[in-house]
């Protein structure tokens, strides 16, 4: 060796730099995965807001129709479409949730 950087030192430096780069890329992948999950959750919540669900009757109260995103009855799945929700609200033993007011989205346009 004549005063310069040896091939071994160059390769070690390159390996260190590549490891740093890989850590950066893996960190960015984690950020993008989190962002993608959050976006999927937002889309699912927006889609649920356009649907309805029925909370079964309890011993002392009527069955309730809720908006799909109502936090009082946070059940996944079993959603009703607009027509089914209108039919359900017409039933004498089914009432509208007084918090989320599902009938608001069912008004004829």
N, C-alpha and C. Protein backbone atom coordinates (compact mmCIF):
# COMPACT_ATOMS: atom_id res chain seq x y z
N UNK A 1 0.85 -1.18 0.00
CA UNK A 1 0.00 0.00 0.00
C UNK A 1 0.89 1.24 0.00
N UNK A 2 0.53 2.16 -0.80
CA UNK A 2 1.35 3.36 -0.88
C UNK A 2 0.54 4.59 -0.49
N UNK A 3 0.17 4.71 0.79
CA UNK A 3 -0.46 5.90 1.32
C UNK A 3 -1.92 6.11 0.99
N UNK A 4 -2.48 5.38 0.04
CA UNK A 4 -3.88 5.55 -0.33
C UNK A 4 -4.78 4.66 0.52
N UNK A 5 -6.04 4.72 0.21
CA UNK A 5 -7.00 3.88 0.92
C UNK A 5 -6.98 2.50 0.27
N UNK A 6 -6.91 1.48 1.10
CA UNK A 6 -6.83 0.13 0.56
C UNK A 6 -8.18 -0.30 0.01
N UNK A 7 -8.17 -1.31 -0.85
CA UNK A 7 -9.41 -1.86 -1.39
C UNK A 7 -10.31 -2.37 -0.27
N UNK A 8 -9.71 -2.96 0.74
CA UNK A 8 -10.49 -3.47 1.87
C UNK A 8 -11.22 -2.33 2.57
N UNK A 9 -10.52 -1.23 2.84
CA UNK A 9 -11.16 -0.07 3.50
C UNK A 9 -12.25 0.55 2.62
N UNK A 10 -12.01 0.61 1.31
CA UNK A 10 -13.01 1.13 0.38
C UNK A 10 -14.29 0.27 0.43
N UNK A 11 -14.12 -1.02 0.45
CA UNK A 11 -15.26 -1.93 0.46
C UNK A 11 -15.99 -1.88 1.81
N UNK A 12 -15.26 -1.71 2.88
CA UNK A 12 -15.91 -1.56 4.19
C UNK A 12 -16.73 -0.27 4.22
N UNK A 13 -16.18 0.79 3.70
CA UNK A 13 -16.90 2.07 3.64
C UNK A 13 -18.14 1.93 2.76
N UNK A 14 -18.00 1.25 1.64
CA UNK A 14 -19.13 1.02 0.76
C UNK A 14 -20.20 0.19 1.46
N UNK A 15 -19.81 -0.84 2.19
CA UNK A 15 -20.76 -1.68 2.92
C UNK A 15 -21.49 -0.85 3.98
N UNK A 16 -20.76 -0.01 4.69
CA UNK A 16 -21.40 0.86 5.70
C UNK A 16 -22.43 1.78 5.04
N UNK A 17 -22.06 2.36 3.92
CA UNK A 17 -22.96 3.27 3.22
C UNK A 17 -24.20 2.53 2.70
N UNK A 18 -24.01 1.34 2.16
CA UNK A 18 -25.13 0.55 1.66
C UNK A 18 -26.05 0.12 2.80
N UNK A 19 -25.49 -0.22 3.96
CA UNK A 19 -26.31 -0.57 5.12
C UNK A 19 -27.12 0.64 5.58
N UNK A 20 -26.50 1.83 5.58
CA UNK A 20 -27.22 3.05 5.94
C UNK A 20 -28.37 3.28 4.96
N UNK A 21 -28.07 3.12 3.67
CA UNK A 21 -29.10 3.31 2.64
C UNK A 21 -30.25 2.33 2.82
N UNK A 22 -29.93 1.08 3.13
CA UNK A 22 -30.96 0.07 3.34
C UNK A 22 -31.83 0.42 4.55
N UNK A 23 -31.23 0.93 5.62
CA UNK A 23 -32.01 1.36 6.79
C UNK A 23 -32.95 2.50 6.42
N UNK A 24 -32.48 3.42 5.59
CA UNK A 24 -33.32 4.53 5.14
C UNK A 24 -34.51 4.02 4.32
N UNK A 25 -34.26 3.11 3.42
CA UNK A 25 -35.32 2.56 2.57
C UNK A 25 -36.32 1.78 3.41
N UNK A 26 -35.85 0.99 4.35
CA UNK A 26 -36.76 0.22 5.20
C UNK A 26 -37.62 1.16 6.06
N UNK A 27 -37.03 2.24 6.54
CA UNK A 27 -37.80 3.22 7.30
C UNK A 27 -38.87 3.86 6.42
N UNK A 28 -38.53 4.17 5.20
CA UNK A 28 -39.51 4.77 4.27
C UNK A 28 -40.63 3.77 3.95
N UNK A 29 -40.28 2.51 3.80
CA UNK A 29 -41.29 1.47 3.56
C UNK A 29 -42.26 1.41 4.73
N UNK A 30 -41.76 1.46 5.97
CA UNK A 30 -42.63 1.45 7.15
C UNK A 30 -43.57 2.65 7.14
N UNK A 31 -43.05 3.84 6.81
CA UNK A 31 -43.88 5.04 6.73
C UNK A 31 -44.98 4.89 5.69
N UNK A 32 -44.63 4.36 4.52
CA UNK A 32 -45.61 4.19 3.45
C UNK A 32 -46.66 3.14 3.80
N UNK A 33 -46.25 2.08 4.51
CA UNK A 33 -47.22 1.07 4.94
C UNK A 33 -48.23 1.66 5.92
N UNK A 34 -47.75 2.47 6.85
CA UNK A 34 -48.64 3.12 7.82
C UNK A 34 -49.59 4.06 7.09
N UNK A 35 -49.06 4.84 6.17
CA UNK A 35 -49.89 5.77 5.40
C UNK A 35 -50.95 5.02 4.61
N UNK A 36 -50.57 3.89 4.01
CA UNK A 36 -51.51 3.09 3.24
C UNK A 36 -52.61 2.52 4.14
N UNK A 37 -52.26 2.05 5.33
CA UNK A 37 -53.25 1.53 6.28
C UNK A 37 -54.22 2.63 6.71
N UNK A 38 -53.69 3.81 6.98
CA UNK A 38 -54.54 4.94 7.38
C UNK A 38 -55.51 5.32 6.26
N UNK A 39 -55.01 5.34 5.05
CA UNK A 39 -55.85 5.68 3.90
C UNK A 39 -56.94 4.62 3.69
N UNK A 40 -56.59 3.35 3.83
CA UNK A 40 -57.57 2.28 3.70
C UNK A 40 -58.66 2.42 4.77
N UNK A 41 -58.24 2.75 6.00
CA UNK A 41 -59.19 2.96 7.10
C UNK A 41 -60.13 4.13 6.79
N UNK A 42 -59.57 5.22 6.25
CA UNK A 42 -60.40 6.38 5.89
C UNK A 42 -61.42 6.02 4.81
N UNK A 43 -60.98 5.26 3.81
CA UNK A 43 -61.90 4.84 2.74
C UNK A 43 -63.01 3.95 3.29
N UNK A 44 -62.65 3.02 4.19
CA UNK A 44 -63.64 2.13 4.78
C UNK A 44 -64.65 2.91 5.62
N UNK A 45 -64.17 3.90 6.37
CA UNK A 45 -65.07 4.72 7.18
C UNK A 45 -65.99 5.55 6.30
N UNK A 46 -65.46 6.10 5.22
CA UNK A 46 -66.29 6.89 4.31
C UNK A 46 -67.34 6.00 3.65
N UNK A 47 -66.96 4.79 3.30
CA UNK A 47 -67.90 3.85 2.69
C UNK A 47 -68.97 3.44 3.70
N UNK A 48 -68.58 3.21 4.94
CA UNK A 48 -69.54 2.84 5.99
C UNK A 48 -70.54 3.96 6.23
N UNK A 49 -70.12 5.20 6.11
CA UNK A 49 -71.00 6.34 6.34
C UNK A 49 -72.14 6.39 5.31
N UNK A 50 -71.97 5.72 4.20
CA UNK A 50 -72.99 5.70 3.15
C UNK A 50 -73.89 4.47 3.26
N UNK A 51 -73.74 3.70 4.34
CA UNK A 51 -74.55 2.50 4.54
C UNK A 51 -75.21 2.56 5.92
N UNK A 52 -76.02 1.57 6.21
CA UNK A 52 -76.76 1.53 7.47
C UNK A 52 -76.61 0.16 8.09
N UNK A 53 -76.98 0.05 9.38
CA UNK A 53 -76.93 -1.24 10.08
C UNK A 53 -78.04 -1.27 11.12
N UNK A 54 -78.44 -2.47 11.48
CA UNK A 54 -79.50 -2.62 12.48
C UNK A 54 -78.93 -3.24 13.74
N UNK A 55 -79.21 -2.57 14.85
CA UNK A 55 -78.86 -3.11 16.17
C UNK A 55 -80.06 -3.93 16.63
N UNK A 56 -79.87 -5.20 16.91
CA UNK A 56 -81.00 -6.05 17.29
C UNK A 56 -81.75 -5.53 18.51
N UNK A 57 -82.99 -5.91 18.59
CA UNK A 57 -83.86 -5.52 19.70
C UNK A 57 -83.33 -6.10 21.01
N UNK A 58 -83.38 -5.29 22.04
CA UNK A 58 -83.04 -5.76 23.38
C UNK A 58 -84.34 -5.95 24.15
N UNK A 59 -84.27 -6.56 25.30
CA UNK A 59 -85.49 -6.89 26.05
C UNK A 59 -86.39 -5.68 26.31
N UNK A 60 -85.82 -4.53 26.58
CA UNK A 60 -86.64 -3.38 26.94
C UNK A 60 -86.64 -2.26 25.90
N UNK A 61 -86.03 -2.48 24.76
CA UNK A 61 -85.99 -1.42 23.75
C UNK A 61 -86.15 -1.99 22.35
N UNK A 62 -86.53 -1.12 21.45
CA UNK A 62 -86.74 -1.52 20.05
C UNK A 62 -85.40 -1.72 19.35
N UNK A 63 -85.45 -2.41 18.23
CA UNK A 63 -84.27 -2.51 17.38
C UNK A 63 -84.00 -1.10 16.82
N UNK A 64 -82.74 -0.82 16.55
CA UNK A 64 -82.38 0.51 16.06
C UNK A 64 -81.66 0.44 14.73
N UNK A 65 -81.97 1.38 13.85
CA UNK A 65 -81.21 1.55 12.61
C UNK A 65 -80.17 2.63 12.88
N UNK A 66 -78.93 2.35 12.51
CA UNK A 66 -77.82 3.29 12.67
C UNK A 66 -77.20 3.57 11.32
N UNK A 67 -76.53 4.69 11.20
CA UNK A 67 -75.67 4.93 10.04
C UNK A 67 -74.52 3.93 10.14
N UNK A 68 -73.92 3.59 9.05
CA UNK A 68 -72.85 2.59 9.05
C UNK A 68 -71.65 2.96 9.89
N UNK A 69 -71.45 4.26 10.12
CA UNK A 69 -70.28 4.71 10.88
C UNK A 69 -70.63 5.14 12.30
N UNK A 70 -71.85 4.82 12.78
CA UNK A 70 -72.26 5.23 14.13
C UNK A 70 -71.43 4.51 15.18
N UNK A 71 -70.84 5.27 16.08
CA UNK A 71 -69.99 4.71 17.12
C UNK A 71 -70.78 4.02 18.23
N UNK A 72 -72.08 4.28 18.32
CA UNK A 72 -72.89 3.63 19.35
C UNK A 72 -73.08 2.15 19.08
N UNK A 73 -72.96 1.76 17.83
CA UNK A 73 -73.10 0.34 17.47
C UNK A 73 -71.99 0.00 16.48
N UNK A 74 -70.77 -0.14 17.00
CA UNK A 74 -69.59 -0.33 16.13
C UNK A 74 -69.39 -1.77 15.67
N UNK A 75 -70.27 -2.25 14.82
CA UNK A 75 -70.19 -3.61 14.31
C UNK A 75 -69.72 -3.57 12.86
N UNK A 76 -68.79 -4.43 12.54
CA UNK A 76 -68.30 -4.51 11.16
C UNK A 76 -69.17 -5.49 10.38
N UNK A 77 -69.50 -5.13 9.18
CA UNK A 77 -70.26 -6.03 8.32
C UNK A 77 -71.74 -5.99 8.61
N UNK A 78 -72.50 -6.69 7.78
CA UNK A 78 -73.94 -6.74 7.93
C UNK A 78 -74.63 -5.44 7.58
N UNK A 79 -74.06 -4.70 6.66
CA UNK A 79 -74.62 -3.40 6.30
C UNK A 79 -75.86 -3.55 5.41
N UNK A 80 -76.72 -2.55 5.49
CA UNK A 80 -77.91 -2.46 4.66
C UNK A 80 -77.68 -1.41 3.57
N UNK A 81 -78.33 -1.62 2.44
CA UNK A 81 -78.29 -0.56 1.43
C UNK A 81 -79.43 0.41 1.71
N UNK A 82 -79.56 1.43 0.91
CA UNK A 82 -80.57 2.48 1.14
C UNK A 82 -81.98 1.91 1.19
N UNK A 83 -82.32 1.09 0.22
CA UNK A 83 -83.67 0.52 0.14
C UNK A 83 -83.99 -0.32 1.37
N UNK A 84 -83.04 -1.14 1.80
CA UNK A 84 -83.26 -1.98 2.98
C UNK A 84 -83.43 -1.14 4.24
N UNK A 85 -82.68 -0.05 4.34
CA UNK A 85 -82.80 0.83 5.51
C UNK A 85 -84.15 1.53 5.53
N UNK A 86 -84.65 1.95 4.38
CA UNK A 86 -85.97 2.58 4.30
C UNK A 86 -87.04 1.58 4.74
N UNK A 87 -86.94 0.36 4.27
CA UNK A 87 -87.90 -0.69 4.65
C UNK A 87 -87.83 -0.94 6.16
N UNK A 88 -86.62 -1.04 6.70
CA UNK A 88 -86.46 -1.29 8.14
C UNK A 88 -87.08 -0.18 8.97
N UNK A 89 -86.88 1.06 8.58
CA UNK A 89 -87.43 2.19 9.35
C UNK A 89 -88.95 2.26 9.26
N UNK A 90 -89.53 1.63 8.27
CA UNK A 90 -90.99 1.61 8.13
C UNK A 90 -91.62 0.56 9.05
N UNK A 91 -90.80 -0.33 9.59
CA UNK A 91 -91.31 -1.36 10.49
C UNK A 91 -91.67 -0.74 11.84
N UNK A 92 -92.78 -1.18 12.46
CA UNK A 92 -93.21 -0.57 13.73
C UNK A 92 -92.28 -0.86 14.91
N UNK A 93 -91.54 -1.95 14.88
CA UNK A 93 -90.68 -2.30 16.01
C UNK A 93 -89.21 -1.93 15.78
N UNK A 94 -88.94 -1.10 14.78
CA UNK A 94 -87.57 -0.64 14.51
C UNK A 94 -87.58 0.88 14.52
N UNK A 95 -86.65 1.46 15.27
CA UNK A 95 -86.57 2.92 15.38
C UNK A 95 -85.23 3.41 14.85
N UNK A 96 -85.14 4.71 14.61
CA UNK A 96 -83.90 5.34 14.17
C UNK A 96 -83.07 5.74 15.39
N UNK A 97 -81.78 5.58 15.32
CA UNK A 97 -80.87 6.03 16.38
C UNK A 97 -81.02 7.55 16.52
N UNK A 98 -81.18 8.00 17.75
CA UNK A 98 -81.35 9.44 17.99
C UNK A 98 -80.01 10.20 17.94
N UNK A 99 -78.91 9.47 17.94
CA UNK A 99 -77.58 10.12 17.90
C UNK A 99 -77.12 10.33 16.45
N UNK A 100 -77.09 9.26 15.65
CA UNK A 100 -76.55 9.38 14.29
C UNK A 100 -77.62 9.77 13.26
N UNK A 101 -78.89 9.70 13.63
CA UNK A 101 -80.00 10.10 12.77
C UNK A 101 -79.90 9.51 11.36
N UNK A 102 -80.04 8.19 11.24
CA UNK A 102 -79.86 7.53 9.95
C UNK A 102 -80.87 7.94 8.88
N UNK A 103 -82.02 8.44 9.31
CA UNK A 103 -83.03 8.83 8.33
C UNK A 103 -82.59 10.03 7.50
N UNK A 104 -81.61 10.79 8.00
CA UNK A 104 -81.08 11.94 7.26
C UNK A 104 -80.58 11.54 5.88
N UNK A 105 -79.91 10.44 5.77
CA UNK A 105 -79.38 10.00 4.49
C UNK A 105 -80.39 9.28 3.63
N UNK A 106 -81.60 9.14 4.14
CA UNK A 106 -82.62 8.39 3.41
C UNK A 106 -83.71 9.25 2.81
N UNK A 107 -83.61 10.56 2.98
CA UNK A 107 -84.62 11.48 2.47
C UNK A 107 -84.64 11.41 0.95
N UNK A 108 -85.84 11.33 0.38
CA UNK A 108 -85.96 11.29 -1.09
C UNK A 108 -85.41 12.57 -1.70
N UNK A 109 -84.70 12.40 -2.78
CA UNK A 109 -84.08 13.56 -3.43
C UNK A 109 -84.91 14.07 -4.55
